[in-house]
């Protein structure tokens, strides 16, 4: 059975890192998919950006930046770069920004 992800500030404060990541990821995914009629537009931009970083990591490891951009587009790439900046992943930001430029410059070939 699908259940709506609910948590309180106390739940977040009392969670270890793994539990916190799971709560935020599950809620962000629920909003992204619109499971209960709500969207990421209602969430803080941090949630959108962090979900984009998770999607980036997953897609790049599975099929590379090609797969990420073909499945998600450039706007999501910018969200991922912002999320990487938010967590201070400097090396990943640089690589992601370069990938965005490469794919953007491919124009219609992309």
PDB file of N, CA and C in Angstrom:
ATOM      1  N   UNK A   1       0.836  -1.167   0.000  1.00  0.00           N
ATOM      2  CA  UNK A   1       0.000   0.000   0.000  1.00  0.00           C
ATOM      3  C   UNK A   1       0.891   1.243   0.000  1.00  0.00           C
ATOM      4  N   UNK A   2       0.527   2.226  -0.803  1.00  0.00           N
ATOM      5  CA  UNK A   2       1.262   3.481  -0.863  1.00  0.00           C
ATOM      6  C   UNK A   2       0.769   4.381   0.261  1.00  0.00           C
ATOM      7  N   UNK A   3       1.713   4.901   1.032  1.00  0.00           N
ATOM      8  CA  UNK A   3       1.364   5.798   2.122  1.00  0.00           C
ATOM      9  C   UNK A   3       2.047   7.140   1.909  1.00  0.00           C
ATOM     10  N   UNK A   4       1.339   8.191   2.253  1.00  0.00           N
ATOM     11  CA  UNK A   4       1.881   9.540   2.159  1.00  0.00           C
ATOM     12  C   UNK A   4       3.018   9.682   3.163  1.00  0.00           C
ATOM     13  N   UNK A   5       4.120  10.279   2.721  1.00  0.00           N
ATOM     14  CA  UNK A   5       5.265  10.498   3.597  1.00  0.00           C
ATOM     15  C   UNK A   5       4.957  11.681   4.500  1.00  0.00           C
ATOM     16  N   UNK A   6       4.969  11.433   5.789  1.00  0.00           N
ATOM     17  CA  UNK A   6       4.727  12.486   6.775  1.00  0.00           C
ATOM     18  C   UNK A   6       5.828  12.438   7.814  1.00  0.00           C
ATOM     19  N   UNK A   7       6.280  13.618   8.184  1.00  0.00           N
ATOM     20  CA  UNK A   7       7.262  13.697   9.256  1.00  0.00           C
ATOM     21  C   UNK A   7       7.170  15.066   9.903  1.00  0.00           C
ATOM     22  N   UNK A   8       7.610  15.117  11.134  1.00  0.00           N
ATOM     23  CA  UNK A   8       7.585  16.365  11.892  1.00  0.00           C
ATOM     24  C   UNK A   8       9.005  16.905  12.018  1.00  0.00           C
ATOM     25  N   UNK A   9       9.116  18.107  12.527  1.00  0.00           N
ATOM     26  CA  UNK A   9      10.434  18.688  12.772  1.00  0.00           C
ATOM     27  C   UNK A   9      11.189  17.804  13.758  1.00  0.00           C
ATOM     28  N   UNK A  10      10.482  17.281  14.759  1.00  0.00           N
ATOM     29  CA  UNK A  10      11.120  16.387  15.738  1.00  0.00           C
ATOM     30  C   UNK A  10      11.656  15.130  15.060  1.00  0.00           C
ATOM     31  N   UNK A  11      10.899  14.595  14.090  1.00  0.00           N
ATOM     32  CA  UNK A  11      11.376  13.417  13.359  1.00  0.00           C
ATOM     33  C   UNK A  11      12.691  13.736  12.651  1.00  0.00           C
ATOM     34  N   UNK A  12      12.746  14.899  12.034  1.00  0.00           N
ATOM     35  CA  UNK A  12      13.967  15.298  11.326  1.00  0.00           C
ATOM     36  C   UNK A  12      15.125  15.501  12.300  1.00  0.00           C
ATOM     37  N   UNK A  13      14.849  16.150  13.413  1.00  0.00           N
ATOM     38  CA  UNK A  13      15.892  16.421  14.401  1.00  0.00           C
ATOM     39  C   UNK A  13      16.420  15.152  15.057  1.00  0.00           C
ATOM     40  N   UNK A  14      15.566  14.161  15.200  1.00  0.00           N
ATOM     41  CA  UNK A  14      15.944  12.923  15.888  1.00  0.00           C
ATOM     42  C   UNK A  14      16.437  11.828  14.949  1.00  0.00           C
ATOM     43  N   UNK A  15      16.514  12.111  13.667  1.00  0.00           N
ATOM     44  CA  UNK A  15      16.944  11.116  12.684  1.00  0.00           C
ATOM     45  C   UNK A  15      18.462  11.101  12.557  1.00  0.00           C
ATOM     46  N   UNK A  16      18.995   9.905  12.334  1.00  0.00           N
ATOM     47  CA  UNK A  16      20.405   9.846  11.984  1.00  0.00           C
ATOM     48  C   UNK A  16      20.521  10.229  10.508  1.00  0.00           C
ATOM     49  N   UNK A  17      21.719  10.350   9.990  1.00  0.00           N
ATOM     50  CA  UNK A  17      21.915  10.811   8.616  1.00  0.00           C
ATOM     51  C   UNK A  17      21.172   9.945   7.600  1.00  0.00           C
ATOM     52  N   UNK A  18      21.271   8.643   7.757  1.00  0.00           N
ATOM     53  CA  UNK A  18      20.624   7.721   6.814  1.00  0.00           C
ATOM     54  C   UNK A  18      19.100   7.867   6.839  1.00  0.00           C
ATOM     55  N   UNK A  19      18.535   7.966   8.028  1.00  0.00           N
ATOM     56  CA  UNK A  19      17.086   8.141   8.156  1.00  0.00           C
ATOM     57  C   UNK A  19      16.636   9.476   7.573  1.00  0.00           C
ATOM     58  N   UNK A  20      17.411  10.521   7.810  1.00  0.00           N
ATOM     59  CA  UNK A  20      17.086  11.845   7.300  1.00  0.00           C
ATOM     60  C   UNK A  20      17.104  11.862   5.775  1.00  0.00           C
ATOM     61  N   UNK A  21      18.134  11.273   5.195  1.00  0.00           N
ATOM     62  CA  UNK A  21      18.226  11.196   3.735  1.00  0.00           C
ATOM     63  C   UNK A  21      17.030  10.434   3.178  1.00  0.00           C
ATOM     64  N   UNK A  22      16.676   9.343   3.812  1.00  0.00           N
ATOM     65  CA  UNK A  22      15.549   8.540   3.355  1.00  0.00           C
ATOM     66  C   UNK A  22      14.233   9.315   3.431  1.00  0.00           C
ATOM     67  N   UNK A  23      14.001  10.022   4.530  1.00  0.00           N
ATOM     68  CA  UNK A  23      12.778  10.819   4.673  1.00  0.00           C
ATOM     69  C   UNK A  23      12.675  11.884   3.589  1.00  0.00           C
ATOM     70  N   UNK A  24      13.749  12.635   3.404  1.00  0.00           N
ATOM     71  CA  UNK A  24      13.730  13.726   2.423  1.00  0.00           C
ATOM     72  C   UNK A  24      13.611  13.173   1.009  1.00  0.00           C
ATOM     73  N   UNK A  25      14.361  12.124   0.710  1.00  0.00           N
ATOM     74  CA  UNK A  25      14.290  11.520  -0.629  1.00  0.00           C
ATOM     75  C   UNK A  25      12.880  10.995  -0.922  1.00  0.00           C
ATOM     76  N   UNK A  26      12.309  10.273   0.022  1.00  0.00           N
ATOM     77  CA  UNK A  26      10.974   9.711  -0.182  1.00  0.00           C
ATOM     78  C   UNK A  26       9.926  10.801  -0.362  1.00  0.00           C
ATOM     79  N   UNK A  27      10.008  11.874   0.422  1.00  0.00           N
ATOM     80  CA  UNK A  27       9.051  12.964   0.284  1.00  0.00           C
ATOM     81  C   UNK A  27       9.255  13.683  -1.048  1.00  0.00           C
ATOM     82  N   UNK A  28      10.497  13.950  -1.425  1.00  0.00           N
ATOM     83  CA  UNK A  28      10.782  14.621  -2.692  1.00  0.00           C
ATOM     84  C   UNK A  28      10.288  13.788  -3.872  1.00  0.00           C
ATOM     85  N   UNK A  29      10.494  12.489  -3.809  1.00  0.00           N
ATOM     86  CA  UNK A  29      10.032  11.599  -4.875  1.00  0.00           C
ATOM     87  C   UNK A  29       8.513  11.591  -4.947  1.00  0.00           C
ATOM     88  N   UNK A  30       7.860  11.542  -3.799  1.00  0.00           N
ATOM     89  CA  UNK A  30       6.401  11.584  -3.754  1.00  0.00           C
ATOM     90  C   UNK A  30       5.881  12.858  -4.433  1.00  0.00           C
ATOM     91  N   UNK A  31       6.498  13.996  -4.131  1.00  0.00           N
ATOM     92  CA  UNK A  31       6.071  15.262  -4.729  1.00  0.00           C
ATOM     93  C   UNK A  31       6.392  15.308  -6.213  1.00  0.00           C
ATOM     94  N   UNK A  32       7.563  14.802  -6.580  1.00  0.00           N
ATOM     95  CA  UNK A  32       7.977  14.785  -7.987  1.00  0.00           C
ATOM     96  C   UNK A  32       6.996  13.970  -8.838  1.00  0.00           C
ATOM     97  N   UNK A  33       6.581  12.840  -8.311  1.00  0.00           N
ATOM     98  CA  UNK A  33       5.668  11.963  -9.036  1.00  0.00           C
ATOM     99  C   UNK A  33       4.213  12.414  -8.924  1.00  0.00           C
ATOM    100  N   UNK A  34       3.929  13.335  -8.010  1.00  0.00           N
ATOM    101  CA  UNK A  34       2.564  13.803  -7.833  1.00  0.00           C
ATOM    102  C   UNK A  34       1.632  12.727  -7.295  1.00  0.00           C
ATOM    103  N   UNK A  35       2.187  11.828  -6.522  1.00  0.00           N
ATOM    104  CA  UNK A  35       1.446  10.672  -6.025  1.00  0.00           C
ATOM    105  C   UNK A  35       0.135  11.038  -5.338  1.00  0.00           C
ATOM    106  N   UNK A  36       0.134  12.100  -4.566  1.00  0.00           N
ATOM    107  CA  UNK A  36      -1.057  12.496  -3.824  1.00  0.00           C
ATOM    108  C   UNK A  36      -1.590  13.855  -4.274  1.00  0.00           C
ATOM    109  N   UNK A  37      -1.322  14.198  -5.532  1.00  0.00           N
ATOM    110  CA  UNK A  37      -1.834  15.436  -6.097  1.00  0.00           C
ATOM    111  C   UNK A  37      -1.038  16.673  -5.753  1.00  0.00           C
ATOM    112  N   UNK A  38       0.065  16.506  -5.062  1.00  0.00           N
ATOM    113  CA  UNK A  38       0.927  17.628  -4.719  1.00  0.00           C
ATOM    114  C   UNK A  38       2.157  17.565  -5.611  1.00  0.00           C
ATOM    115  N   UNK A  39       2.819  18.695  -5.795  1.00  0.00           N
ATOM    116  CA  UNK A  39       4.010  18.727  -6.642  1.00  0.00           C
ATOM    117  C   UNK A  39       5.174  19.350  -5.899  1.00  0.00           C
ATOM    118  N   UNK A  40       6.336  19.267  -6.513  1.00  0.00           N
ATOM    119  CA  UNK A  40       7.528  19.872  -5.925  1.00  0.00           C
ATOM    120  C   UNK A  40       7.423  21.386  -5.849  1.00  0.00           C
ATOM    121  N   UNK A  41       6.499  21.973  -6.591  1.00  0.00           N
ATOM    122  CA  UNK A  41       6.323  23.424  -6.527  1.00  0.00           C
ATOM    123  C   UNK A  41       5.950  23.877  -5.123  1.00  0.00           C
ATOM    124  N   UNK A  42       5.329  23.002  -4.345  1.00  0.00           N
ATOM    125  CA  UNK A  42       4.955  23.358  -2.978  1.00  0.00           C
ATOM    126  C   UNK A  42       6.150  23.246  -2.024  1.00  0.00           C
ATOM    127  N   UNK A  43       7.192  22.591  -2.441  1.00  0.00           N
ATOM    128  CA  UNK A  43       8.346  22.346  -1.580  1.00  0.00           C
ATOM    129  C   UNK A  43       9.366  23.475  -1.683  1.00  0.00           C
ATOM    130  N   UNK A  44      10.248  23.494  -0.747  1.00  0.00           N
ATOM    131  CA  UNK A  44      11.380  24.414  -0.778  1.00  0.00           C
ATOM    132  C   UNK A  44      12.291  24.023  -1.935  1.00  0.00           C
ATOM    133  N   UNK A  45      12.972  24.982  -2.533  1.00  0.00           N
ATOM    134  CA  UNK A  45      13.860  24.680  -3.659  1.00  0.00           C
ATOM    135  C   UNK A  45      14.938  23.679  -3.278  1.00  0.00           C
ATOM    136  N   UNK A  46      15.288  23.627  -2.007  1.00  0.00           N
ATOM    137  CA  UNK A  46      16.313  22.671  -1.558  1.00  0.00           C
ATOM    138  C   UNK A  46      15.889  21.243  -1.858  1.00  0.00           C
ATOM    139  N   UNK A  47      14.604  20.949  -1.692  1.00  0.00           N
ATOM    140  CA  UNK A  47      14.128  19.590  -1.941  1.00  0.00           C
ATOM    141  C   UNK A  47      14.254  19.246  -3.425  1.00  0.00           C
ATOM    142  N   UNK A  48      13.875  20.175  -4.289  1.00  0.00           N
ATOM    143  CA  UNK A  48      14.004  19.971  -5.738  1.00  0.00           C
ATOM    144  C   UNK A  48      15.461  19.760  -6.114  1.00  0.00           C
ATOM    145  N   UNK A  49      16.329  20.580  -5.573  1.00  0.00           N
ATOM    146  CA  UNK A  49      17.748  20.496  -5.898  1.00  0.00           C
ATOM    147  C   UNK A  49      18.376  19.208  -5.387  1.00  0.00           C
ATOM    148  N   UNK A  50      18.028  18.795  -4.186  1.00  0.00           N
ATOM    149  CA  UNK A  50      18.600  17.561  -3.652  1.00  0.00           C
ATOM    150  C   UNK A  50      18.093  16.340  -4.408  1.00  0.00           C
ATOM    151  N   UNK A  51      16.817  16.351  -4.781  1.00  0.00           N
ATOM    152  CA  UNK A  51      16.313  15.245  -5.597  1.00  0.00           C
ATOM    153  C   UNK A  51      17.055  15.206  -6.930  1.00  0.00           C
ATOM    154  N   UNK A  52      17.302  16.365  -7.520  1.00  0.00           N
ATOM    155  CA  UNK A  52      18.025  16.416  -8.792  1.00  0.00           C
ATOM    156  C   UNK A  52      19.443  15.856  -8.645  1.00  0.00           C
ATOM    157  N   UNK A  53      20.086  16.079  -7.504  1.00  0.00           N
ATOM    158  CA  UNK A  53      21.432  15.520  -7.315  1.00  0.00           C
ATOM    159  C   UNK A  53      21.380  14.005  -7.229  1.00  0.00           C
ATOM    160  N   UNK A  54      20.336  13.472  -6.583  1.00  0.00           N
ATOM    161  CA  UNK A  54      20.189  12.017  -6.498  1.00  0.00           C
ATOM    162  C   UNK A  54      19.920  11.421  -7.876  1.00  0.00           C
ATOM    163  N   UNK A  55      19.071  12.081  -8.636  1.00  0.00           N
ATOM    164  CA  UNK A  55      18.781  11.607  -9.990  1.00  0.00           C
ATOM    165  C   UNK A  55      20.042  11.686 -10.850  1.00  0.00           C
ATOM    166  N   UNK A  56      20.779  12.781 -10.730  1.00  0.00           N
ATOM    167  CA  UNK A  56      22.036  12.941 -11.480  1.00  0.00           C
ATOM    168  C   UNK A  56      22.987  11.787 -11.180  1.00  0.00           C
ATOM    169  N   UNK A  57      23.199  11.533  -9.907  1.00  0.00           N
ATOM    170  CA  UNK A  57      24.120  10.463  -9.510  1.00  0.00           C
ATOM    171  C   UNK A  57      23.686   9.120 -10.077  1.00  0.00           C
ATOM    172  N   UNK A  58      22.425   8.831  -9.957  1.00  0.00           N
ATOM    173  CA  UNK A  58      21.896   7.563 -10.428  1.00  0.00           C
ATOM    174  C   UNK A  58      22.011   7.421 -11.940  1.00  0.00           C
ATOM    175  N   UNK A  59      21.584   8.436 -12.661  1.00  0.00           N
ATOM    176  CA  UNK A  59      21.582   8.366 -14.122  1.00  0.00           C
ATOM    177  C   UNK A  59      22.999   8.376 -14.697  1.00  0.00           C
ATOM    178  N   UNK A  60      23.880   9.183 -14.137  1.00  0.00           N
ATOM    179  CA  UNK A  60      25.252   9.240 -14.655  1.00  0.00           C
ATOM    180  C   UNK A  60      25.966   7.915 -14.415  1.00  0.00           C
ATOM    181  N   UNK A  61      25.758   7.315 -13.254  1.00  0.00           N
ATOM    182  CA  UNK A  61      26.381   6.016 -12.998  1.00  0.00           C
ATOM    183  C   UNK A  61      25.789   4.913 -13.868  1.00  0.00           C
ATOM    184  N   UNK A  62      24.544   5.061 -14.250  1.00  0.00           N
ATOM    185  CA  UNK A  62      23.878   4.041 -15.054  1.00  0.00           C
ATOM    186  C   UNK A  62      24.137   4.208 -16.549  1.00  0.00           C
ATOM    187  N   UNK A  63      24.098   5.447 -17.041  1.00  0.00           N
ATOM    188  CA  UNK A  63      24.209   5.645 -18.492  1.00  0.00           C
ATOM    189  C   UNK A  63      24.946   6.901 -18.907  1.00  0.00           C
ATOM    190  N   UNK A  64      25.528   7.597 -17.940  1.00  0.00           N
ATOM    191  CA  UNK A  64      26.304   8.785 -18.254  1.00  0.00           C
ATOM    192  C   UNK A  64      25.447  10.047 -18.326  1.00  0.00           C
ATOM    193  N   UNK A  65      26.127  11.149 -18.606  1.00  0.00           N
ATOM    194  CA  UNK A  65      25.426  12.423 -18.725  1.00  0.00           C
ATOM    195  C   UNK A  65      24.439  12.407 -19.888  1.00  0.00           C
ATOM    196  N   UNK A  66      24.758  11.639 -20.938  1.00  0.00           N
ATOM    197  CA  UNK A  66      23.807  11.506 -22.045  1.00  0.00           C
ATOM    198  C   UNK A  66      22.440  11.102 -21.515  1.00  0.00           C
ATOM    199  N   UNK A  67      22.429  10.049 -20.736  1.00  0.00           N
ATOM    200  CA  UNK A  67      21.178   9.534 -20.193  1.00  0.00           C
ATOM    201  C   UNK A  67      20.512  10.575 -19.305  1.00  0.00           C
ATOM    202  N   UNK A  68      21.291  11.221 -18.448  1.00  0.00           N
ATOM    203  CA  UNK A  68      20.715  12.213 -17.542  1.00  0.00           C
ATOM    204  C   UNK A  68      20.012  13.328 -18.317  1.00  0.00           C
ATOM    205  N   UNK A  69      20.701  13.920 -19.303  1.00  0.00           N
ATOM    206  CA  UNK A  69      20.115  15.047 -20.022  1.00  0.00           C
ATOM    207  C   UNK A  69      18.971  14.616 -20.942  1.00  0.00           C
ATOM    208  N   UNK A  70      19.086  13.469 -21.557  1.00  0.00           N
ATOM    209  CA  UNK A  70      17.996  12.999 -22.418  1.00  0.00           C
ATOM    210  C   UNK A  70      16.731  12.718 -21.614  1.00  0.00           C
ATOM    211  N   UNK A  71      16.895  12.205 -20.419  1.00  0.00           N
ATOM    212  CA  UNK A  71      15.730  11.876 -19.584  1.00  0.00           C
ATOM    213  C   UNK A  71      15.180  13.072 -18.812  1.00  0.00           C
ATOM    214  N   UNK A  72      16.035  14.073 -18.550  1.00  0.00           N
ATOM    215  CA  UNK A  72      15.630  15.129 -17.622  1.00  0.00           C
ATOM    216  C   UNK A  72      15.749  16.551 -18.147  1.00  0.00           C
ATOM    217  N   UNK A  73      16.600  16.786 -19.134  1.00  0.00           N
ATOM    218  CA  UNK A  73      16.752  18.128 -19.693  1.00  0.00           C
ATOM    219  C   UNK A  73      17.738  19.003 -18.938  1.00  0.00           C
ATOM    220  N   UNK A  74      17.980  20.167 -19.531  1.00  0.00           N
ATOM    221  CA  UNK A  74      18.976  21.073 -18.958  1.00  0.00           C
ATOM    222  C   UNK A  74      18.524  21.726 -17.668  1.00  0.00           C
ATOM    223  N   UNK A  75      17.254  22.075 -17.593  1.00  0.00           N
ATOM    224  CA  UNK A  75      16.760  22.747 -16.379  1.00  0.00           C
ATOM    225  C   UNK A  75      17.016  21.876 -15.150  1.00  0.00           C
ATOM    226  N   UNK A  76      16.803  20.588 -15.292  1.00  0.00           N
ATOM    227  CA  UNK A  76      17.067  19.677 -14.181  1.00  0.00           C
ATOM    228  C   UNK A  76      18.569  19.603 -13.900  1.00  0.00           C
ATOM    229  N   UNK A  77      19.368  19.762 -14.950  1.00  0.00           N
ATOM    230  CA  UNK A  77      20.819  19.824 -14.762  1.00  0.00           C
ATOM    231  C   UNK A  77      21.215  21.011 -13.906  1.00  0.00           C
ATOM    232  N   UNK A  78      20.567  22.152 -14.147  1.00  0.00           N
ATOM    233  CA  UNK A  78      20.829  23.334 -13.316  1.00  0.00           C
ATOM    234  C   UNK A  78      20.374  23.099 -11.880  1.00  0.00           C
ATOM    235  N   UNK A  79      19.241  22.423 -11.709  1.00  0.00           N
ATOM    236  CA  UNK A  79      18.791  22.086 -10.352  1.00  0.00           C
ATOM    237  C   UNK A  79      19.816  21.197  -9.651  1.00  0.00           C
ATOM    238  N   UNK A  80      20.353  20.231 -10.388  1.00  0.00           N
ATOM    239  CA  UNK A  80      21.370  19.341  -9.807  1.00  0.00           C
ATOM    240  C   UNK A  80      22.621  20.128  -9.433  1.00  0.00           C
ATOM    241  N   UNK A  81      23.056  21.026 -10.312  1.00  0.00           N
ATOM    242  CA  UNK A  81      24.238  21.845 -10.012  1.00  0.00           C
ATOM    243  C   UNK A  81      23.996  22.700  -8.771  1.00  0.00           C
ATOM    244  N   UNK A  82      22.802  23.259  -8.644  1.00  0.00           N
ATOM    245  CA  UNK A  82      22.464  24.042  -7.450  1.00  0.00           C
ATOM    246  C   UNK A  82      22.464  23.163  -6.203  1.00  0.00           C
ATOM    247  N   UNK A  83      21.965  21.948  -6.330  1.00  0.00           N
ATOM    248  CA  UNK A  83      21.976  21.018  -5.203  1.00  0.00           C
ATOM    249  C   UNK A  83      23.388  20.638  -4.804  1.00  0.00           C
ATOM    250  N   UNK A  84      24.233  20.414  -5.804  1.00  0.00           N
ATOM    251  CA  UNK A  84      25.634  20.100  -5.510  1.00  0.00           C
ATOM    252  C   UNK A  84      26.316  21.275  -4.832  1.00  0.00           C
ATOM    253  N   UNK A  85      25.975  22.480  -5.259  1.00  0.00           N
ATOM    254  CA  UNK A  85      26.512  23.681  -4.619  1.00  0.00           C
ATOM    255  C   UNK A  85      26.027  23.768  -3.173  1.00  0.00           C
ATOM    256  N   UNK A  86      24.775  23.431  -2.959  1.00  0.00           N
ATOM    257  CA  UNK A  86      24.178  23.481  -1.615  1.00  0.00           C
ATOM    258  C   UNK A  86      24.917  22.555  -0.645  1.00  0.00           C
ATOM    259  N   UNK A  87      25.382  21.409  -1.144  1.00  0.00           N
ATOM    260  CA  UNK A  87      26.098  20.465  -0.270  1.00  0.00           C
ATOM    261  C   UNK A  87      27.612  20.585  -0.402  1.00  0.00           C
ATOM    262  N   UNK A  88      28.057  21.636  -1.116  1.00  0.00           N
ATOM    263  CA  UNK A  88      29.486  21.958  -1.273  1.00  0.00           C
ATOM    264  C   UNK A  88      30.284  20.832  -1.924  1.00  0.00           C
ATOM    265  N   UNK A  89      29.722  20.216  -2.943  1.00  0.00           N
ATOM    266  CA  UNK A  89      30.407  19.156  -3.692  1.00  0.00           C
ATOM    267  C   UNK A  89      31.128  19.802  -4.879  1.00  0.00           C
ATOM    268  N   UNK A  90      32.173  20.527  -4.586  1.00  0.00           N
ATOM    269  CA  UNK A  90      32.864  21.372  -5.561  1.00  0.00           C
ATOM    270  C   UNK A  90      33.287  20.638  -6.833  1.00  0.00           C
ATOM    271  N   UNK A  91      33.920  19.497  -6.705  1.00  0.00           N
ATOM    272  CA  UNK A  91      34.391  18.769  -7.892  1.00  0.00           C
ATOM    273  C   UNK A  91      33.226  18.327  -8.775  1.00  0.00           C
ATOM    274  N   UNK A  92      32.147  17.918  -8.154  1.00  0.00           N
ATOM    275  CA  UNK A  92      30.975  17.477  -8.907  1.00  0.00           C
ATOM    276  C   UNK A  92      30.279  18.649  -9.593  1.00  0.00           C
ATOM    277  N   UNK A  93      30.284  19.810  -8.924  1.00  0.00           N
ATOM    278  CA  UNK A  93      29.696  21.007  -9.528  1.00  0.00           C
ATOM    279  C   UNK A  93      30.419  21.324 -10.824  1.00  0.00           C
ATOM    280  N   UNK A  94      31.733  21.333 -10.772  1.00  0.00           N
ATOM    281  CA  UNK A  94      32.542  21.664 -11.944  1.00  0.00           C
ATOM    282  C   UNK A  94      32.261  20.713 -13.105  1.00  0.00           C
ATOM    283  N   UNK A  95      32.252  19.427 -12.835  1.00  0.00           N
ATOM    284  CA  UNK A  95      32.006  18.428 -13.873  1.00  0.00           C
ATOM    285  C   UNK A  95      30.590  18.576 -14.436  1.00  0.00           C
ATOM    286  N   UNK A  96      29.626  18.794 -13.562  1.00  0.00           N
ATOM    287  CA  UNK A  96      28.235  18.935 -14.003  1.00  0.00           C
ATOM    288  C   UNK A  96      28.054  20.188 -14.849  1.00  0.00           C
ATOM    289  N   UNK A  97      28.648  21.294 -14.438  1.00  0.00           N
ATOM    290  CA  UNK A  97      28.544  22.526 -15.218  1.00  0.00           C
ATOM    291  C   UNK A  97      29.198  22.372 -16.590  1.00  0.00           C
ATOM    292  N   UNK A  98      30.325  21.677 -16.641  1.00  0.00           N
ATOM    293  CA  UNK A  98      30.974  21.428 -17.935  1.00  0.00           C
ATOM    294  C   UNK A  98      30.099  20.547 -18.817  1.00  0.00           C
ATOM    295  N   UNK A  99      29.474  19.544 -18.220  1.00  0.00           N
ATOM    296  CA  UNK A  99      28.581  18.659 -18.983  1.00  0.00           C
ATOM    297  C   UNK A  99      27.388  19.442 -19.525  1.00  0.00           C
ATOM    298  N   UNK A 100      26.841  20.335 -18.731  1.00  0.00           N
ATOM    299  CA  UNK A 100      25.722  21.159 -19.188  1.00  0.00           C
ATOM    300  C   UNK A 100      26.138  21.963 -20.415  1.00  0.00           C
ATOM    301  N   UNK A 101      27.309  22.582 -20.350  1.00  0.00           N
ATOM    302  CA  UNK A 101      27.784  23.390 -21.477  1.00  0.00           C
ATOM    303  C   UNK A 101      28.012  22.537 -22.725  1.00  0.00           C
ATOM    304  N   UNK A 102      28.613  21.369 -22.548  1.00  0.00           N
ATOM    305  CA  UNK A 102      28.859  20.487 -23.689  1.00  0.00           C
ATOM    306  C   UNK A 102      27.546  20.105 -24.351  1.00  0.00           C
ATOM    307  N   UNK A 103      26.583  19.675 -23.579  1.00  0.00           N
ATOM    308  CA  UNK A 103      25.314  19.233 -24.136  1.00  0.00           C
ATOM    309  C   UNK A 103      24.517  20.396 -24.702  1.00  0.00           C
ATOM    310  N   UNK A 104      24.605  21.542 -24.057  1.00  0.00           N
ATOM    311  CA  UNK A 104      23.892  22.726 -24.543  1.00  0.00           C
ATOM    312  C   UNK A 104      24.459  23.157 -25.903  1.00  0.00           C
ATOM    313  N   UNK A 105      25.754  23.063 -26.066  1.00  0.00           N
ATOM    314  CA  UNK A 105      26.412  23.477 -27.307  1.00  0.00           C
ATOM    315  C   UNK A 105      26.204  22.491 -28.443  1.00  0.00           C
ATOM    316  N   UNK A 106      25.686  21.309 -28.146  1.00  0.00           N
ATOM    317  CA  UNK A 106      25.407  20.350 -29.204  1.00  0.00           C
ATOM    318  C   UNK A 106      24.132  20.712 -29.963  1.00  0.00           C
ATOM    319  N   UNK A 107      23.347  21.607 -29.396  1.00  0.00           N
ATOM    320  CA  UNK A 107      22.143  22.087 -30.070  1.00  0.00           C
ATOM    321  C   UNK A 107      21.223  20.982 -30.522  1.00  0.00           C
ATOM    322  N   UNK A 108      20.862  21.011 -31.783  1.00  0.00           N
ATOM    323  CA  UNK A 108      19.887  20.065 -32.336  1.00  0.00           C
ATOM    324  C   UNK A 108      20.400  18.631 -32.353  1.00  0.00           C
ATOM    325  N   UNK A 109      21.712  18.455 -32.367  1.00  0.00           N
ATOM    326  CA  UNK A 109      22.261  17.099 -32.368  1.00  0.00           C
ATOM    327  C   UNK A 109      21.903  16.364 -31.097  1.00  0.00           C
ATOM    328  N   UNK A 110      21.713  17.095 -30.018  1.00  0.00           N
ATOM    329  CA  UNK A 110      21.355  16.518 -28.738  1.00  0.00           C
ATOM    330  C   UNK A 110      19.926  16.072 -28.825  1.00  0.00           C
TER     331      UNK A 110
END
